[in-house]
Amino acid sequence: MPAVILLDVSLSMSRPVVTTDTTESHTRFTIATAAINTFLDYLCVHAKLEYVALVTFSSSYEVAVPFTREFDNIRVKLPQLEEGDKTCIETALHGVNQLVLNEWGYQTPVQIILITDGSCGVGAIGRNRIIQALPLPPTFPAKLHIIPVVSPHETCLLHAMPLYQKIVDLASNTTNNSNASLMRGAIYCPDQLTVPGVVAAMTRLCEQHYQEFWCTLKCGQLESRVQIFPAPQPASHDGVVASHTLSNQLHVIGFLQQQDLGTPIAISKHLVIPQAQACSNSATRENYDPKTPTKEGSSAEGTSTDEDNISDPSKVPNFCVLLHGALKVEGMAAIVQLGSEWWGTVSAWCEVSRARRSCLLLSVLRPGSSAAPWLGALDQLGPADESGTTTETFPVRSWRSYSGGGSGCAWARPHALLADVQKVLRHARKLPDKTQHLYKELNRLRRAAISLGFSELLTCVGSALERECTVLPSSAPPECALQLAHAAAALRDPRTALDIKHTLQPLATNFTVTSMSH
């Protein structure tokens, strides 16, 4: 899960630390910097696909480095940070909330690591004021950990511990997570106020919350050792906390067409990374020997094939590569047994980035056999009937295969609905490049709203598009305003207001640039 490093840069962080080592002087800020570098070093080895952001705070907050996988950007920024005035934790948490909601929305779990000097700077009355002003619990699932850069015997830490514990408890009681106990953070106090002491506290945090999860993905006699990233958490079922834990062997029990599978609610999503790919960089460095001759310099070229395959994982056959290609070409998803009475789906997924990397995506469903009610009980699925009848295998309506396609909406919780509306507005702000994407999302949203009798949603989305039209920059192409106005009017058109089969189409425009010669 993404991580936010919340670093205190108040004046008290600049206090020198008295040590027996006279050759090197430290402040609380330099010790905190060493702990952050330790955290980044750990991620480089065990979770290099993780996103990390650096937020600094004193009486105000600043996003020093937004979410990134380039950890060197954070390392470079640390020595350039400027000190502030006083510590204000409630302001810092407001900034973190804003950053996470803008970047990830309401559904993605986030780790927050608060590094401060162990002094809240106020008395008992001030602590109560801070607790009342805290923006907790957050509107997204979160784990909040606190590392006080202070000696465990200092008086200021004893006064601040009740406040820190209250912050951790409030952050864990998020309303969007039914397994609140699994999302509980902790306070990691160093054994001593030295670089090794604080680094050891950070290492304990990393080992507890950033462990790799390895398992075996099997399908019949084919299998592959894979890493599930991020590591899956235990899930609850029927009110029993942590009653389901992911097995060390994931069994592919069958395949379904994506249109038949639909979009069942997933409690979490994870990348499935083959062992050869996950370890390729480290294995290549470990196996490299500069004294080993190359093919051109070797006298026995034919005997180096096996060794080349070992050093180059791309030449080794892998079941995950076969599964990914088959699912992508056939438009299917694999049903995977995760444990007792627990299932998930594996599908081919393309990363939304410049690299456009494609990989396997594991969607963990809710525990229980009714995770996808339109399929029936998952523990009773069997081979498709090959009798040649034309009846549909599952009770899927034929109008779902509409022109313009798209998956359905699952609005089990308010934040899921808000996320779909925000997606429409993001496409609206990127017109005209995202015109087709905008109408695809509008059609998906419109069909779901009509199915649920939620016509007020269409009116609200139409008003939001009109507001976007009024705040367009002067440099925006004229097509942007026309498309937004057309989409808003189409959502409110009484002739098609309740026609679920109707598909909204973009406004046909033809703008040409003409030049005048004088």
Protein backbone atom coordinates (compact mmCIF):
# COMPACT_ATOMS: atom_id res chain seq x y z
CA MET A 1 0.00 0.00 0.00
CA PRO A 2 1.23 3.56 -0.64
CA ALA A 3 3.18 5.22 2.17
CA VAL A 4 3.36 8.83 3.36
CA ILE A 5 6.40 9.91 5.37
CA LEU A 6 5.21 12.75 7.62
CA LEU A 7 8.37 14.50 8.84
CA ASP A 8 8.45 17.12 11.59
CA VAL A 9 10.72 20.06 10.63
CA SER A 10 9.95 22.29 13.60
CA LEU A 11 12.70 24.19 15.45
CA SER A 12 12.89 21.54 18.16
CA MET A 13 14.01 18.99 15.57
CA SER A 14 17.20 21.04 15.16
CA ARG A 15 18.30 20.51 18.77
CA PRO A 16 21.70 18.81 19.02
CA VAL A 17 21.88 15.32 20.47
CA VAL A 18 24.45 14.74 23.20
CA THR A 19 26.40 11.55 22.55
CA THR A 20 29.62 10.00 23.78
CA ASP A 21 31.00 10.10 20.24
CA THR A 22 32.79 13.43 19.93
CA THR A 23 33.85 12.86 16.31
CA GLU A 24 30.38 13.28 14.87
CA SER A 25 27.52 15.56 15.95
CA HIS A 26 23.86 14.90 15.25
CA THR A 27 20.55 16.66 15.57
CA ARG A 28 17.17 15.06 15.83
CA PHE A 29 16.57 15.98 12.20
CA THR A 30 19.73 14.22 10.94
CA ILE A 31 18.80 11.12 12.94
CA ALA A 32 15.31 11.20 11.42
CA THR A 33 16.92 11.52 7.97
CA ALA A 34 18.97 8.39 8.62
CA ALA A 35 15.80 6.52 9.61
CA ILE A 36 14.02 7.62 6.42
CA ASN A 37 16.96 6.44 4.30
CA THR A 38 16.79 3.09 6.08
CA PHE A 39 13.10 2.86 5.22
CA LEU A 40 13.79 3.64 1.55
CA ASP A 41 16.64 1.11 1.44
CA TYR A 42 14.30 -1.56 2.79
CA LEU A 43 11.68 -0.78 0.15
CA CYS A 44 14.30 -0.95 -2.62
CA VAL A 45 14.89 -4.60 -1.70
CA HIS A 46 11.45 -5.82 -0.58
CA ALA A 47 8.85 -3.45 -2.09
CA LYS A 48 10.39 -1.51 -4.95
CA LEU A 49 6.98 -1.12 -6.65
CA GLU A 50 5.63 0.83 -3.69
CA TYR A 51 4.67 4.50 -3.94
CA VAL A 52 6.07 6.86 -1.29
CA ALA A 53 5.44 10.56 -0.63
CA LEU A 54 7.30 12.96 1.68
CA VAL A 55 5.28 15.59 3.57
CA THR A 56 6.96 18.04 5.96
CA PHE A 57 5.18 20.04 8.63
CA SER A 58 5.59 22.57 11.39
CA SER A 59 2.72 25.05 11.85
CA SER A 60 1.88 24.38 8.18
CA TYR A 61 2.50 21.45 5.87
CA GLU A 62 4.24 21.07 2.52
CA VAL A 63 4.27 18.19 0.05
CA ALA A 64 8.02 18.00 -0.42
CA VAL A 65 7.88 15.01 -2.79
CA PRO A 66 4.58 13.69 -4.21
CA PHE A 67 3.93 9.96 -4.56
CA THR A 68 6.76 8.37 -6.52
CA ARG A 69 8.60 5.10 -7.04
CA GLU A 70 11.85 6.97 -7.62
CA PHE A 71 13.11 6.85 -4.03
CA ASP A 72 16.23 8.81 -4.95
CA ASN A 73 14.01 11.88 -5.36
CA ILE A 74 13.24 11.71 -1.64
CA ARG A 75 16.88 11.12 -0.70
CA VAL A 76 17.94 14.17 -2.69
CA LYS A 77 15.20 16.32 -1.14
CA LEU A 78 15.98 15.50 2.51
CA PRO A 79 19.15 17.66 2.83
CA GLN A 80 17.35 20.57 1.15
CA LEU A 81 14.47 20.81 3.66
CA GLU A 82 14.13 24.04 5.60
CA GLU A 83 13.24 24.21 9.27
CA GLY A 84 9.92 25.66 10.37
CA ASP A 85 8.51 27.01 13.62
CA LYS A 86 6.29 24.92 15.93
CA THR A 87 4.82 21.42 15.76
CA CYS A 88 1.18 21.21 14.62
CA ILE A 89 0.18 17.58 14.05
CA GLU A 90 -3.48 18.27 13.24
CA THR A 91 -2.48 20.56 10.34
CA ALA A 92 -0.12 17.89 9.03
CA LEU A 93 -2.84 15.23 9.03
CA HIS A 94 -5.18 17.58 7.16
CA GLY A 95 -2.50 17.85 4.48
CA VAL A 96 -2.06 14.09 4.30
CA ASN A 97 -5.82 13.60 3.88
CA GLN A 98 -5.89 16.07 1.01
CA LEU A 99 -2.88 14.48 -0.68
CA VAL A 100 -4.21 10.91 -0.43
CA LEU A 101 -7.75 11.76 -1.58
CA ASN A 102 -6.47 13.67 -4.61
CA GLU A 103 -4.07 10.88 -5.60
CA TRP A 104 -5.75 7.61 -4.55
CA GLY A 105 -9.35 8.32 -3.55
CA TYR A 106 -11.32 6.68 -0.75
CA GLN A 107 -10.61 2.99 -1.29
CA THR A 108 -6.82 2.55 -1.30
CA PRO A 109 -5.24 1.67 2.09
CA VAL A 110 -2.33 3.95 2.98
CA GLN A 111 0.52 3.72 5.51
CA ILE A 112 1.32 7.00 7.33
CA ILE A 113 4.67 7.18 9.15
CA LEU A 114 4.84 10.18 11.49
CA ILE A 115 8.38 11.10 12.55
CA THR A 116 8.55 13.77 15.23
CA ASP A 117 10.73 14.78 18.20
CA GLY A 118 8.48 13.36 20.93
CA SER A 119 7.20 16.70 22.16
CA CYS A 120 3.69 17.99 21.48
CA GLY A 121 4.62 21.37 23.02
CA VAL A 122 1.41 21.75 25.07
CA GLY A 123 -0.04 20.64 28.38
CA ALA A 124 -3.06 18.48 29.14
CA ILE A 125 -5.53 21.15 28.01
CA GLY A 126 -3.60 21.64 24.79
CA ARG A 127 -3.58 17.90 24.12
CA ASN A 128 -7.36 17.78 24.41
CA ARG A 129 -7.60 20.66 21.94
CA ILE A 130 -5.34 18.84 19.51
CA ILE A 131 -7.38 15.61 19.82
CA GLN A 132 -10.60 17.48 19.06
CA ALA A 133 -9.01 19.12 16.00
CA LEU A 134 -7.56 15.91 14.55
CA PRO A 135 -9.08 14.94 11.15
CA LEU A 136 -9.47 11.35 12.34
CA PRO A 137 -10.61 8.76 11.52
CA PRO A 138 -9.58 9.39 7.91
CA THR A 139 -12.00 8.87 5.04
CA PHE A 140 -9.73 6.18 3.61
CA PRO A 141 -8.29 2.97 5.18
CA ALA A 142 -5.04 3.89 6.93
CA LYS A 143 -2.35 2.61 9.26
CA LEU A 144 -0.65 5.39 11.21
CA HIS A 145 2.72 4.68 12.83
CA ILE A 146 4.67 7.10 15.02
CA ILE A 147 8.45 7.14 15.50
CA PRO A 148 9.45 9.67 18.21
CA VAL A 149 13.07 10.72 17.82
CA VAL A 150 13.67 11.02 21.55
CA SER A 151 15.20 9.12 24.41
CA PRO A 152 12.67 6.77 26.04
CA HIS A 153 13.42 8.30 29.46
CA GLU A 154 12.73 11.94 28.61
CA THR A 155 9.82 13.62 30.37
CA CYS A 156 8.41 15.14 27.17
CA LEU A 157 7.82 11.66 25.73
CA LEU A 158 5.89 10.56 28.83
CA HIS A 159 3.58 13.57 28.41
CA ALA A 160 3.21 13.04 24.65
CA MET A 161 2.54 9.27 24.72
CA PRO A 162 -1.22 9.60 25.56
CA LEU A 163 -1.62 11.93 22.58
CA TYR A 164 0.31 9.60 20.26
CA GLN A 165 -1.69 6.59 21.38
CA LYS A 166 -4.94 8.47 20.81
CA ILE A 167 -3.81 9.41 17.29
CA VAL A 168 -3.00 5.77 16.47
CA ASP A 169 -6.32 4.54 17.88
CA LEU A 170 -8.40 7.14 16.05
CA ALA A 171 -6.63 6.43 12.75
CA SER A 172 -7.42 2.71 13.10
CA ASN A 173 -11.16 3.20 13.61
CA THR A 174 -11.82 4.04 9.97
CA THR A 175 -15.43 3.60 8.93
CA ASN A 176 -14.46 2.42 5.44
CA ASN A 177 -12.68 -0.68 6.70
CA SER A 178 -14.67 -3.51 8.29
CA ASN A 179 -11.41 -5.03 9.59
CA ALA A 180 -10.28 -2.05 11.65
CA SER A 181 -8.09 -4.16 13.93
CA LEU A 182 -6.03 -5.27 10.94
CA MET A 183 -5.40 -1.64 10.01
CA ARG A 184 -3.99 -0.68 13.42
CA GLY A 185 -0.73 1.24 13.58
CA ALA A 186 1.78 1.40 16.43
CA ILE A 187 4.32 3.59 18.22
CA TYR A 188 7.94 2.57 17.66
CA CYS A 189 10.06 4.15 20.39
CA PRO A 190 13.84 3.84 19.97
CA ASP A 191 15.85 2.17 22.74
CA GLN A 192 18.22 5.14 22.78
CA LEU A 193 18.52 8.53 21.11
CA THR A 194 21.21 7.59 18.60
CA VAL A 195 21.30 6.84 14.90
CA PRO A 196 21.45 3.05 15.47
CA GLY A 197 18.61 3.25 18.01
CA VAL A 198 16.18 5.13 15.74
CA VAL A 199 17.24 3.08 12.71
CA ALA A 200 16.45 -0.09 14.68
CA ALA A 201 12.96 1.27 15.45
CA MET A 202 12.38 1.97 11.74
CA THR A 203 13.64 -1.51 10.88
CA ARG A 204 11.10 -3.06 13.25
CA LEU A 205 8.35 -1.10 11.51
CA CYS A 206 9.50 -2.28 8.09
CA GLU A 207 9.77 -5.92 9.11
CA GLN A 208 6.25 -5.93 10.56
CA HIS A 209 4.41 -4.05 7.80
CA TYR A 210 6.42 -4.53 4.59
CA GLN A 211 7.06 -8.26 4.52
CA GLU A 212 7.05 -9.97 1.12
CA PHE A 213 4.35 -12.55 0.49
CA TRP A 214 5.39 -15.52 -1.65
CA CYS A 215 3.14 -18.37 -2.72
CA THR A 216 2.63 -20.89 -5.52
CA LEU A 217 0.13 -20.31 -8.33
CA LYS A 218 -1.08 -23.67 -9.67
CA CYS A 219 -3.30 -24.79 -12.53
CA GLY A 220 -3.41 -28.55 -12.92
CA GLN A 221 0.19 -29.71 -13.31
CA LEU A 222 1.46 -26.22 -14.15
CA GLU A 223 2.71 -24.01 -11.37
CA SER A 224 4.89 -20.98 -10.73
CA ARG A 225 6.39 -19.36 -7.68
CA VAL A 226 4.96 -15.84 -7.44
CA GLN A 227 5.05 -12.77 -5.22
CA ILE A 228 1.73 -11.11 -4.29
CA PHE A 229 2.27 -7.36 -4.06
CA PRO A 230 1.30 -5.68 -1.86
CA ALA A 231 1.12 -8.43 0.73
CA PRO A 232 -2.54 -9.44 1.27
CA GLN A 233 -4.19 -8.95 4.66
CA PRO A 234 -6.43 -11.44 6.45
CA ALA A 235 -10.14 -10.85 5.83
CA SER A 236 -13.23 -11.10 8.00
CA HIS A 237 -16.48 -12.91 7.27
CA ASP A 238 -19.80 -12.94 9.08
CA GLY A 239 -18.49 -10.57 11.74
CA VAL A 240 -15.50 -12.77 12.68
CA VAL A 241 -12.30 -10.71 12.50
CA ALA A 242 -9.39 -12.17 10.52
CA SER A 243 -11.14 -15.49 10.00
CA HIS A 244 -9.63 -15.98 6.52
CA THR A 245 -5.93 -15.97 5.70
CA LEU A 246 -4.48 -16.36 2.21
CA SER A 247 -3.08 -19.81 1.54
CA ASN A 248 0.48 -20.48 0.38
CA GLN A 249 -0.96 -22.24 -2.68
CA LEU A 250 -3.40 -20.48 -4.99
CA HIS A 251 -5.27 -22.94 -7.21
CA VAL A 252 -6.80 -21.90 -10.53
CA ILE A 253 -10.09 -23.82 -10.55
CA GLY A 254 -11.61 -22.52 -13.79
CA PHE A 255 -12.00 -19.74 -16.32
CA LEU A 256 -14.85 -17.36 -17.19
CA GLN A 257 -15.47 -14.79 -19.88
CA GLN A 258 -15.00 -11.27 -18.55
CA GLN A 259 -18.55 -10.34 -19.57
CA ASP A 260 -19.95 -13.27 -17.57
CA LEU A 261 -17.79 -12.49 -14.55
CA GLY A 262 -18.83 -8.82 -14.44
CA THR A 263 -17.36 -6.72 -11.64
CA PRO A 264 -17.76 -8.40 -8.26
CA ILE A 265 -16.68 -6.32 -5.28
CA ALA A 266 -12.98 -6.78 -4.55
CA ILE A 267 -11.74 -6.07 -1.03
CA SER A 268 -8.19 -5.62 -2.36
CA LYS A 269 -6.18 -5.92 -5.56
CA HIS A 270 -2.62 -7.17 -5.97
CA LEU A 271 0.02 -7.66 -8.64
CA VAL A 272 1.08 -11.26 -9.31
CA ILE A 273 4.81 -11.15 -10.02
CA PRO A 274 6.65 -14.30 -11.17
CA GLN A 275 9.71 -15.21 -9.11
CA ALA A 276 12.08 -14.86 -12.06
CA GLN A 277 10.84 -11.32 -12.72
CA ALA A 278 10.76 -10.30 -9.06
CA CYS A 279 14.30 -11.51 -8.45
CA SER A 280 15.82 -10.86 -11.87
CA ASN A 281 17.72 -7.73 -10.92
CA SER A 282 19.22 -9.11 -7.71
CA ALA A 283 19.90 -12.53 -9.25
CA THR A 284 21.64 -10.96 -12.21
CA ARG A 285 23.91 -8.95 -9.94
CA GLU A 286 24.69 -11.95 -7.74
CA ASN A 287 25.41 -14.35 -10.62
CA TYR A 288 27.50 -11.93 -12.64
CA ASP A 289 31.19 -12.83 -12.80
CA PRO A 290 33.44 -10.47 -14.80
CA LYS A 291 35.97 -13.27 -15.24
CA THR A 292 33.49 -15.48 -17.08
CA PRO A 293 34.18 -15.36 -20.84
CA THR A 294 31.44 -14.35 -23.24
CA LYS A 295 30.23 -16.45 -26.14
CA GLU A 296 32.64 -14.73 -28.49
CA GLY A 297 35.62 -15.36 -26.24
CA SER A 298 34.70 -18.89 -25.23
CA SER A 299 36.02 -21.94 -27.00
CA ALA A 300 32.91 -24.02 -26.19
CA GLU A 301 29.98 -21.94 -27.39
CA GLY A 302 27.50 -24.80 -27.42
CA THR A 303 27.89 -25.58 -23.70
CA SER A 304 26.82 -22.15 -22.44
CA THR A 305 23.12 -22.34 -23.34
CA ASP A 306 21.90 -23.50 -19.91
CA GLU A 307 24.06 -20.96 -18.12
CA ASP A 308 22.71 -18.18 -20.35
CA ASN A 309 19.14 -19.21 -19.56
CA ILE A 310 19.86 -19.03 -15.83
CA SER A 311 21.38 -15.56 -16.11
CA ASP A 312 18.58 -14.33 -18.38
CA PRO A 313 15.17 -15.06 -16.78
CA SER A 314 13.35 -13.98 -19.95
CA LYS A 315 14.55 -17.20 -21.64
CA VAL A 316 13.14 -19.49 -18.94
CA PRO A 317 9.58 -20.78 -19.59
CA ASN A 318 7.15 -19.49 -16.98
CA PHE A 319 3.54 -20.46 -16.29
CA CYS A 320 2.59 -16.85 -15.43
CA VAL A 321 3.62 -15.69 -18.90
CA LEU A 322 1.47 -18.41 -20.49
CA LEU A 323 -1.50 -17.57 -18.24
CA HIS A 324 -1.21 -13.82 -18.88
CA GLY A 325 -1.09 -14.26 -22.65
CA ALA A 326 -4.05 -16.64 -22.70
CA LEU A 327 -6.26 -14.42 -20.51
CA LYS A 328 -5.39 -11.31 -22.51
CA VAL A 329 -6.05 -12.87 -25.92
CA GLU A 330 -9.22 -14.72 -24.95
CA GLY A 331 -10.71 -11.93 -22.82
CA MET A 332 -11.17 -14.26 -19.87
CA ALA A 333 -10.47 -14.29 -16.14
CA ALA A 334 -9.28 -17.15 -13.94
CA ILE A 335 -11.17 -18.11 -10.78
CA VAL A 336 -8.65 -18.80 -8.01
CA GLN A 337 -9.14 -20.64 -4.72
CA LEU A 338 -7.46 -18.48 -2.06
CA GLY A 339 -8.38 -20.58 0.95
CA SER A 340 -11.28 -22.28 2.63
CA GLU A 341 -14.53 -20.61 1.41
CA TRP A 342 -12.50 -17.81 -0.19
CA TRP A 343 -12.05 -17.02 -3.87
CA GLY A 344 -10.49 -14.41 -6.12
CA THR A 345 -10.00 -13.66 -9.80
CA VAL A 346 -6.83 -13.29 -11.86
CA SER A 347 -6.94 -11.23 -15.04
CA ALA A 348 -4.54 -9.52 -17.45
CA TRP A 349 -4.13 -5.87 -16.51
CA CYS A 350 -2.33 -3.02 -18.24
CA GLU A 351 -0.71 -0.40 -16.01
CA VAL A 352 -1.93 3.13 -16.66
CA SER A 353 1.42 4.81 -17.21
CA ARG A 354 3.81 5.72 -19.94
CA ALA A 355 5.43 2.32 -19.74
CA ARG A 356 2.07 0.57 -20.39
CA ARG A 357 3.34 -2.56 -18.70
CA SER A 358 0.95 -5.50 -18.67
CA CYS A 359 0.80 -7.97 -15.82
CA LEU A 360 -1.45 -10.32 -13.86
CA LEU A 361 -3.86 -8.72 -11.39
CA LEU A 362 -5.32 -10.65 -8.46
CA SER A 363 -8.68 -9.34 -7.22
CA VAL A 364 -9.49 -10.70 -3.76
CA LEU A 365 -13.25 -11.18 -3.36
CA ARG A 366 -15.20 -11.10 -0.14
CA PRO A 367 -15.01 -14.39 1.76
CA GLY A 368 -17.94 -16.71 1.18
CA SER A 369 -19.45 -18.50 -1.78
CA SER A 370 -21.84 -15.64 -2.64
CA ALA A 371 -19.17 -13.07 -3.54
CA ALA A 372 -20.63 -12.86 -7.09
CA PRO A 373 -24.38 -13.59 -6.68
CA TRP A 374 -25.12 -13.60 -10.44
CA LEU A 375 -22.81 -16.61 -10.82
CA GLY A 376 -24.51 -18.55 -8.05
CA ALA A 377 -22.56 -20.31 -5.32
CA LEU A 378 -18.87 -20.25 -6.26
CA ASP A 379 -18.26 -23.62 -4.66
CA GLN A 380 -20.78 -25.21 -7.04
CA LEU A 381 -19.38 -23.91 -10.35
CA GLY A 382 -18.52 -26.65 -12.80
CA PRO A 383 -17.56 -27.20 -16.45
CA ALA A 384 -19.66 -25.40 -19.06
CA ASP A 385 -22.39 -27.48 -20.70
CA GLU A 386 -21.16 -28.73 -24.09
CA SER A 387 -24.57 -29.94 -25.30
CA GLY A 388 -24.66 -27.23 -27.95
CA THR A 389 -27.63 -25.31 -26.54
CA THR A 390 -27.73 -21.57 -27.12
CA THR A 391 -29.00 -20.69 -23.66
CA GLU A 392 -26.72 -18.49 -21.63
CA THR A 393 -24.62 -20.20 -18.97
CA PHE A 394 -25.25 -17.42 -16.43
CA PRO A 395 -28.24 -15.09 -15.95
CA VAL A 396 -26.53 -12.20 -17.73
CA ARG A 397 -28.81 -9.86 -19.68
CA SER A 398 -28.07 -9.57 -23.36
CA TRP A 399 -28.17 -5.76 -23.31
CA ARG A 400 -24.97 -5.72 -21.27
CA SER A 401 -23.06 -6.30 -24.49
CA TYR A 402 -23.75 -2.77 -25.62
CA SER A 403 -21.84 -0.64 -28.09
CA GLY A 404 -19.06 1.15 -26.27
CA GLY A 405 -18.63 -1.57 -23.63
CA GLY A 406 -17.42 -1.19 -20.08
CA SER A 407 -17.82 -2.92 -16.76
CA GLY A 408 -20.69 -2.39 -14.39
CA CYS A 409 -20.78 -0.30 -11.23
CA ALA A 410 -20.58 -1.68 -7.69
CA TRP A 411 -21.86 0.96 -5.27
CA ALA A 412 -21.88 -0.98 -2.04
CA ARG A 413 -20.43 2.01 -0.18
CA PRO A 414 -20.66 5.80 -0.69
CA HIS A 415 -16.99 6.23 -1.56
CA ALA A 416 -17.34 3.84 -4.51
CA LEU A 417 -20.05 6.06 -6.03
CA LEU A 418 -17.95 9.18 -5.42
CA ALA A 419 -14.95 7.52 -7.09
CA ASP A 420 -16.99 6.84 -10.25
CA VAL A 421 -18.21 10.45 -10.39
CA GLN A 422 -14.66 11.74 -9.88
CA LYS A 423 -13.50 9.54 -12.75
CA VAL A 424 -16.04 11.22 -15.05
CA LEU A 425 -14.85 14.66 -13.98
CA ARG A 426 -11.19 13.73 -14.52
CA HIS A 427 -11.96 12.77 -18.11
CA ALA A 428 -13.99 15.98 -18.54
CA ARG A 429 -10.95 18.06 -17.56
CA LYS A 430 -8.81 16.34 -20.20
CA LEU A 431 -11.00 17.04 -23.21
CA PRO A 432 -10.77 16.74 -26.16
CA ASP A 433 -8.18 13.93 -25.77
CA LYS A 434 -10.45 11.93 -23.41
CA THR A 435 -13.74 12.43 -25.26
CA GLN A 436 -14.35 8.74 -25.90
CA HIS A 437 -13.36 7.83 -22.34
CA LEU A 438 -15.74 10.48 -20.96
CA TYR A 439 -18.76 9.11 -22.83
CA LYS A 440 -17.84 5.54 -22.01
CA GLU A 441 -17.88 6.36 -18.28
CA LEU A 442 -21.06 8.44 -18.62
CA ASN A 443 -22.87 5.51 -20.29
CA ARG A 444 -21.68 3.14 -17.58
CA LEU A 445 -22.80 5.54 -14.84
CA ARG A 446 -26.12 6.24 -16.57
CA ARG A 447 -27.08 2.58 -16.95
CA ALA A 448 -26.32 1.84 -13.31
CA ALA A 449 -28.30 4.87 -12.13
CA ILE A 450 -31.35 3.90 -14.24
CA SER A 451 -31.16 0.29 -13.04
CA LEU A 452 -31.23 1.45 -9.42
CA GLY A 453 -33.83 4.16 -9.96
CA PHE A 454 -31.24 6.77 -9.02
CA SER A 455 -32.24 9.46 -11.52
CA GLU A 456 -31.07 12.25 -9.17
CA LEU A 457 -27.50 11.14 -9.83
CA LEU A 458 -27.80 12.00 -13.54
CA THR A 459 -29.05 15.48 -12.67
CA CYS A 460 -26.15 16.06 -10.30
CA VAL A 461 -23.56 14.80 -12.81
CA GLY A 462 -25.09 17.06 -15.47
CA SER A 463 -24.76 20.06 -13.13
CA ALA A 464 -21.15 19.11 -12.39
CA LEU A 465 -20.34 19.01 -16.11
CA GLU A 466 -21.91 22.45 -16.54
CA ARG A 467 -19.72 23.78 -13.74
CA GLU A 468 -16.67 22.31 -15.44
CA CYS A 469 -17.75 24.14 -18.59
CA THR A 470 -17.79 27.49 -16.77
CA VAL A 471 -14.27 27.10 -15.35
CA LEU A 472 -12.56 26.09 -18.59
CA PRO A 473 -9.35 28.07 -19.19
CA SER A 474 -9.29 30.60 -22.00
CA SER A 475 -6.75 28.45 -23.85
CA ALA A 476 -9.11 25.43 -23.98
CA PRO A 477 -10.32 24.42 -27.47
CA PRO A 478 -13.94 25.36 -28.25
CA GLU A 479 -14.78 21.66 -28.61
CA CYS A 480 -14.37 21.21 -24.82
CA ALA A 481 -17.26 23.54 -23.95
CA LEU A 482 -19.45 22.04 -26.68
CA GLN A 483 -18.87 18.46 -25.55
CA LEU A 484 -19.51 19.29 -21.88
CA ALA A 485 -22.73 21.14 -22.67
CA HIS A 486 -23.86 18.34 -25.00
CA ALA A 487 -23.15 15.66 -22.37
CA ALA A 488 -25.00 17.60 -19.65
CA ALA A 489 -28.05 18.08 -21.90
CA ALA A 490 -28.03 14.42 -22.98
CA LEU A 491 -28.13 13.25 -19.36
CA ARG A 492 -31.27 15.33 -18.76
CA ASP A 493 -33.02 14.57 -22.06
CA PRO A 494 -36.55 13.45 -21.04
CA ARG A 495 -36.93 11.42 -24.25
CA THR A 496 -34.19 8.97 -23.20
CA ALA A 497 -34.18 9.55 -19.43
CA LEU A 498 -35.38 6.01 -18.61
CA ASP A 499 -34.16 4.17 -21.72
CA ILE A 500 -31.46 1.89 -20.39
CA LYS A 501 -30.50 0.69 -23.88
CA HIS A 502 -29.83 4.21 -25.15
CA THR A 503 -26.15 5.09 -25.57
CA LEU A 504 -24.87 8.64 -25.31
CA GLN A 505 -22.74 9.60 -28.30
CA PRO A 506 -20.15 12.41 -28.54
CA LEU A 507 -21.12 15.57 -30.37
CA ALA A 508 -19.82 15.48 -33.94
CA THR A 509 -17.50 18.48 -34.34
CA ASN A 510 -15.22 19.55 -37.14
CA PHE A 511 -12.99 22.46 -36.23
CA THR A 512 -10.50 23.56 -38.84
CA VAL A 513 -7.78 26.14 -38.50
CA THR A 514 -7.84 28.78 -41.23
CA SER A 515 -5.25 31.43 -41.91
CA MET A 516 -5.80 34.83 -43.52
CA SER A 517 -3.21 36.43 -45.69
CA HIS A 518 -3.03 40.16 -46.01
